[in-house]
Protein backbone atom coordinates (compact mmCIF):
# COMPACT_ATOMS: atom_id res chain seq x y z
CA ILE A 1 -107.25 16.10 77.87
CA ILE A 2 -105.36 12.79 77.93
CA ARG A 3 -107.41 9.63 77.47
CA THR A 4 -105.70 6.34 78.22
CA LEU A 5 -107.52 3.15 77.21
CA PHE A 6 -106.44 -0.28 78.44
CA TRP A 7 -107.90 -3.59 77.29
CA ASN A 8 -107.18 -7.29 76.96
CA GLY A 9 -107.46 -9.75 74.12
CA ILE A 10 -105.27 -8.25 71.43
CA ASP A 11 -101.61 -8.02 70.56
CA GLU A 12 -99.55 -7.69 73.76
CA ASP A 13 -97.81 -4.61 72.38
CA LYS A 14 -101.15 -2.88 71.81
CA GLN A 15 -103.02 -3.19 75.10
CA LYS A 16 -102.79 0.49 75.91
CA LEU A 17 -103.69 3.51 73.83
CA GLU A 18 -102.97 7.07 74.93
CA GLN A 19 -104.65 9.90 73.04
CA GLU A 20 -104.46 13.66 73.51
CA PHE A 21 -107.29 16.10 72.80
CA SER A 22 -107.42 19.87 73.11
CA THR A 23 -109.98 22.03 74.82
CA ASP A 24 -111.30 25.24 73.35
CA ASP A 25 -110.70 28.62 75.00
CA GLU A 26 -113.56 27.95 77.45
CA GLY A 27 -112.32 24.46 78.42
CA HIS A 28 -114.90 22.53 76.37
CA PHE A 29 -113.83 19.25 74.82
CA SER A 30 -115.25 16.31 72.92
CA LEU A 31 -113.83 12.80 72.84
CA PRO A 32 -114.61 10.56 69.86
CA ILE A 33 -115.66 6.99 70.51
CA HIS A 34 -112.83 4.50 70.16
CA GLU A 35 -113.77 1.20 68.56
CA ASP A 36 -111.57 -1.81 67.94
CA GLN A 37 -112.17 -5.40 66.92
CA MET A 38 -110.70 -8.32 68.78
CA ALA A 39 -111.16 -12.03 69.21
CA LEU A 40 -111.38 -13.46 72.70
CA GLY A 41 -111.31 -17.11 73.67
CA MET A 42 -114.50 -18.65 75.03
CA LEU A 43 -113.15 -18.56 78.59
CA THR A 44 -111.69 -15.04 78.38
CA GLN A 45 -113.47 -12.18 80.16
CA PHE A 46 -113.38 -8.87 78.28
CA VAL A 47 -112.02 -6.04 80.41
CA SER A 48 -111.24 -2.48 79.42
CA SER A 49 -110.67 0.67 81.39
CA THR A 50 -110.63 4.36 80.63
CA ALA A 51 -108.59 7.00 82.42
CA LEU A 52 -108.95 10.72 81.76
CA GLU A 53 -106.47 13.31 82.90
CA ALA A 54 -106.06 17.01 82.21
CA GLY A 55 -102.66 18.29 81.24
CA ILE A 56 -102.21 21.50 83.26
CA ASP A 57 -98.87 23.34 83.31
CA GLY A 58 -97.00 20.15 82.40
CA GLN A 59 -98.68 18.08 85.13
CA LYS A 60 -101.32 15.37 84.70
CA VAL A 61 -104.39 15.94 86.87
CA PHE A 62 -106.91 13.13 87.49
CA LEU A 63 -110.44 13.46 86.02
CA TRP A 64 -111.98 9.99 85.52
CA TYR A 65 -111.41 6.24 85.82
CA SER A 66 -113.88 3.53 84.80
CA LYS A 67 -113.96 -0.13 83.72
CA ASN A 68 -116.06 -1.97 81.16
CA PHE A 69 -116.66 -5.71 81.45
CA GLU A 70 -119.18 -6.06 78.60
CA GLY A 71 -117.51 -4.56 75.56
CA ASN A 72 -120.65 -2.59 74.72
CA ILE A 73 -120.58 1.12 74.08
CA TYR A 74 -121.80 3.10 77.10
CA ALA A 75 -121.79 -0.04 79.30
CA GLU A 76 -120.25 1.92 82.19
CA THR A 77 -122.76 4.78 82.07
CA GLU A 78 -125.89 3.11 80.67
CA GLY A 79 -126.02 5.66 77.84
CA PRO A 80 -124.33 8.80 76.56
CA ILE A 81 -123.33 11.39 79.14
CA SER A 82 -124.60 14.92 78.67
CA ASN A 83 -123.51 18.14 80.31
CA LEU A 84 -120.29 16.67 81.71
CA VAL A 85 -118.37 19.17 83.84
CA CYS A 86 -114.92 18.20 85.10
CA ASP A 87 -113.71 20.56 87.82
CA ILE A 88 -110.33 19.65 89.27
CA ASP A 89 -111.34 21.38 92.51
CA ASN A 90 -114.25 18.92 93.01
CA GLU A 91 -113.81 16.19 95.57
CA GLU A 92 -113.11 12.81 93.97
CA MET A 93 -116.13 10.52 94.27
CA ARG A 94 -117.07 6.93 93.42
CA VAL A 95 -120.25 6.60 91.43
CA ALA A 96 -122.14 3.31 91.15
CA SER A 97 -122.52 2.35 87.51
CA ASN A 98 -124.10 -0.55 85.67
CA GLN A 99 -121.28 -3.02 86.30
CA THR A 100 -118.63 -1.32 88.43
CA ASN A 101 -117.78 2.07 89.92
CA ILE A 102 -116.64 5.24 88.22
CA THR A 103 -114.10 7.30 90.16
CA THR A 104 -114.20 10.93 89.08
CA VAL A 105 -114.09 14.64 89.84
CA CYS A 106 -116.57 15.19 87.01
CA ARG A 107 -120.32 15.70 87.37
CA TRP A 108 -123.06 15.26 84.75
CA ALA A 109 -126.81 15.35 84.16
CA ASN A 110 -128.66 12.30 85.54
CA MET A 111 -125.56 11.20 87.44
CA PRO A 112 -126.10 8.08 89.61
CA GLU A 113 -125.75 8.31 93.37
CA GLU A 114 -122.33 8.30 95.00
CA GLU A 115 -121.16 4.85 96.13
CA ASP A 116 -120.82 4.49 99.92
């Protein structure tokens, strides 16, 4: 699993972080929370985004894209996600979240309705 994090407000050379994680033999994975400290000017809007891809046979396959405008943990999903299942054969959908939309092929317990 490849997680790419983008954000503003810190050193220009460090506005993107790409991390790789392995799945177990059954495809299960866990991603640790990434935390960072930064100072933003009073008139600067915090913006971060998260992209998840699966590395399959040397190709990157889309799983998830979301944005966070608050800087709070779980701001996009209004809490931790449980029972996340990412099936690359699922149709990509846009899910309404607290502050923006999540675009994903993943499904989870208590998932919000699909955005029209």
